[in-house]
Amino acid sequence: MKKLFKLVSLLTLGLFFVACGDSASEGFTKSGKAGSLDVTYSSAKPLVVGDNTMHVSITDGGKALTGAKVEMKVFMPEMPGMPYMDYIKVLDASGDKYSGNINYSMGGTWQVKIYIEKDGKKYKHSSSVIL
């Protein structure tokens, strides 16, 4: 009976570490539209409270949009006992991606706005993330 208990305990512990390892290695990705543009924002790691390196990819008719000004704003509306919080970052262009460090200062639902400006045209993508 003790051997069976040890075997079941070891299998359960092994499955726990396998499950934790898989979820920890998965990043974050979310997609949507900004007018006629397709927008995908992602992080190589799961989002956490604090600093997160975010990458934004934008396509127009399947072709990568380069040379745009891209700004990412995350904010949490004011709630009882808590002030309005936001973080705004102009993302750096690198090839066909735009990247920057975004700080989520606490857990909860954050509203995400991605502003894109190219050739005098302005686009906005709205979304949200939960930490």
Protein backbone atom coordinates (compact mmCIF):
# COMPACT_ATOMS: atom_id res chain seq x y z
CA MET A 1 0.00 0.00 0.00
CA LYS A 2 2.86 2.39 0.82
CA LYS A 3 4.45 1.71 -2.59
CA LEU A 4 1.16 2.49 -4.35
CA PHE A 5 0.80 5.73 -2.38
CA LYS A 6 4.38 6.76 -3.23
CA LEU A 7 3.80 5.96 -6.92
CA VAL A 8 0.57 7.96 -7.06
CA SER A 9 2.23 10.86 -5.20
CA LEU A 10 5.19 10.91 -7.59
CA LEU A 11 2.92 10.78 -10.65
CA THR A 12 0.76 13.61 -9.28
CA LEU A 13 3.82 15.71 -8.50
CA GLY A 14 5.27 15.03 -11.96
CA LEU A 15 2.02 16.03 -13.67
CA PHE A 16 1.94 19.21 -11.60
CA PHE A 17 5.45 20.22 -12.77
CA VAL A 18 4.64 19.36 -16.38
CA ALA A 19 1.48 21.48 -16.26
CA CYS A 20 3.29 24.40 -14.63
CA GLY A 21 6.14 24.18 -17.11
CA ASP A 22 3.79 24.33 -20.10
CA SER A 23 1.80 27.32 -18.88
CA ALA A 24 4.90 29.24 -17.84
CA SER A 25 6.47 28.86 -21.28
CA GLU A 26 3.43 30.13 -23.16
CA GLY A 27 3.41 33.79 -24.02
CA PHE A 28 0.53 36.15 -24.58
CA THR A 29 -1.08 37.05 -27.92
CA LYS A 30 -4.21 38.99 -28.81
CA SER A 31 -5.45 40.22 -32.21
CA GLY A 32 -8.06 42.58 -33.57
CA LYS A 33 -8.79 45.35 -36.05
CA ALA A 34 -7.94 49.04 -36.25
CA GLY A 35 -10.10 50.21 -39.12
CA SER A 36 -8.89 48.25 -42.15
CA LEU A 37 -5.66 47.20 -40.38
CA ASP A 38 -5.07 43.88 -38.61
CA VAL A 39 -3.31 44.35 -35.27
CA THR A 40 -1.67 41.68 -33.13
CA TYR A 41 0.00 42.45 -29.84
CA SER A 42 1.98 39.91 -27.91
CA SER A 43 4.57 39.14 -25.27
CA ALA A 44 7.02 36.22 -25.31
CA LYS A 45 6.13 35.56 -21.66
CA PRO A 46 2.79 35.58 -19.84
CA LEU A 47 1.77 39.08 -18.72
CA VAL A 48 2.72 39.94 -15.15
CA VAL A 49 2.31 42.84 -12.76
CA GLY A 50 5.24 45.11 -13.53
CA ASP A 51 7.25 45.48 -16.73
CA ASN A 52 6.32 43.50 -19.85
CA THR A 53 8.00 43.68 -23.26
CA MET A 54 5.18 44.04 -25.78
CA HIS A 55 5.41 43.52 -29.54
CA VAL A 56 2.85 44.88 -32.01
CA SER A 57 2.51 43.60 -35.58
CA ILE A 58 0.30 45.47 -38.04
CA THR A 59 -0.77 44.32 -41.48
CA ASP A 60 -2.72 46.08 -44.20
CA GLY A 61 -4.24 43.64 -46.67
CA GLY A 62 -1.83 40.93 -45.51
CA LYS A 63 1.25 43.13 -46.02
CA ALA A 64 3.27 44.28 -43.00
CA LEU A 65 2.84 47.96 -42.20
CA THR A 66 6.21 49.64 -41.68
CA GLY A 67 7.21 53.21 -40.97
CA ALA A 68 4.21 54.04 -38.80
CA LYS A 69 4.11 55.81 -35.46
CA VAL A 70 2.63 53.34 -32.96
CA GLU A 71 1.66 54.23 -29.41
CA MET A 72 0.33 51.83 -26.79
CA LYS A 73 -1.73 53.05 -23.86
CA VAL A 74 -2.89 50.82 -21.03
CA PHE A 75 -5.16 52.16 -18.34
CA MET A 76 -7.39 51.12 -15.47
CA PRO A 77 -10.41 53.34 -14.79
CA GLU A 78 -10.89 54.97 -11.41
CA MET A 79 -12.64 52.77 -8.86
CA PRO A 80 -13.76 53.42 -5.28
CA GLY A 81 -10.64 53.93 -3.20
CA MET A 82 -8.36 53.71 -6.23
CA PRO A 83 -7.23 56.44 -8.66
CA TYR A 84 -7.17 56.26 -12.45
CA MET A 85 -3.94 54.59 -13.62
CA ASP A 86 -2.33 54.64 -17.05
CA TYR A 87 0.91 53.96 -18.87
CA ILE A 88 1.63 55.33 -22.34
CA LYS A 89 4.55 54.31 -24.55
CA VAL A 90 5.57 55.19 -28.11
CA LEU A 91 6.79 51.86 -29.47
CA ASP A 92 10.13 51.46 -31.24
CA ALA A 93 10.06 50.17 -34.82
CA SER A 94 12.24 47.19 -35.67
CA GLY A 95 11.62 45.68 -39.09
CA ASP A 96 7.93 44.90 -39.33
CA LYS A 97 7.30 44.95 -35.55
CA TYR A 98 6.91 47.68 -32.99
CA SER A 99 8.10 46.99 -29.45
CA GLY A 100 8.27 48.60 -26.06
CA ASN A 101 8.17 48.05 -22.34
CA ILE A 102 4.69 48.39 -20.80
CA ASN A 103 4.15 48.54 -17.05
CA TYR A 104 0.98 47.05 -15.56
CA SER A 105 1.19 48.39 -12.01
CA MET A 106 -1.36 45.99 -10.46
CA GLY A 107 -3.50 42.98 -11.21
CA GLY A 108 -6.97 43.35 -12.70
CA THR A 109 -8.54 44.31 -16.01
CA TRP A 110 -6.53 46.82 -18.05
CA GLN A 111 -7.94 48.62 -21.07
CA VAL A 112 -5.56 48.66 -24.06
CA LYS A 113 -5.52 51.27 -26.82
CA ILE A 114 -3.09 51.05 -29.73
CA TYR A 115 -2.84 54.24 -31.79
CA ILE A 116 -1.36 53.97 -35.28
CA GLU A 117 -0.47 56.89 -37.53
CA LYS A 118 0.79 56.38 -41.10
CA ASP A 119 0.78 58.81 -44.03
CA GLY A 120 -1.54 61.23 -42.22
CA LYS A 121 -4.13 58.50 -41.47
CA LYS A 122 -4.95 57.60 -37.88
CA TYR A 123 -6.20 54.24 -36.61
CA LYS A 124 -7.14 52.96 -33.15
CA HIS A 125 -7.40 49.43 -31.80
CA SER A 126 -9.24 48.90 -28.49
CA SER A 127 -8.94 45.80 -26.35
CA SER A 128 -8.37 44.66 -22.77
CA VAL A 129 -6.19 42.25 -20.81
CA ILE A 130 -6.64 40.64 -17.43
CA LEU A 131 -3.66 40.14 -15.11
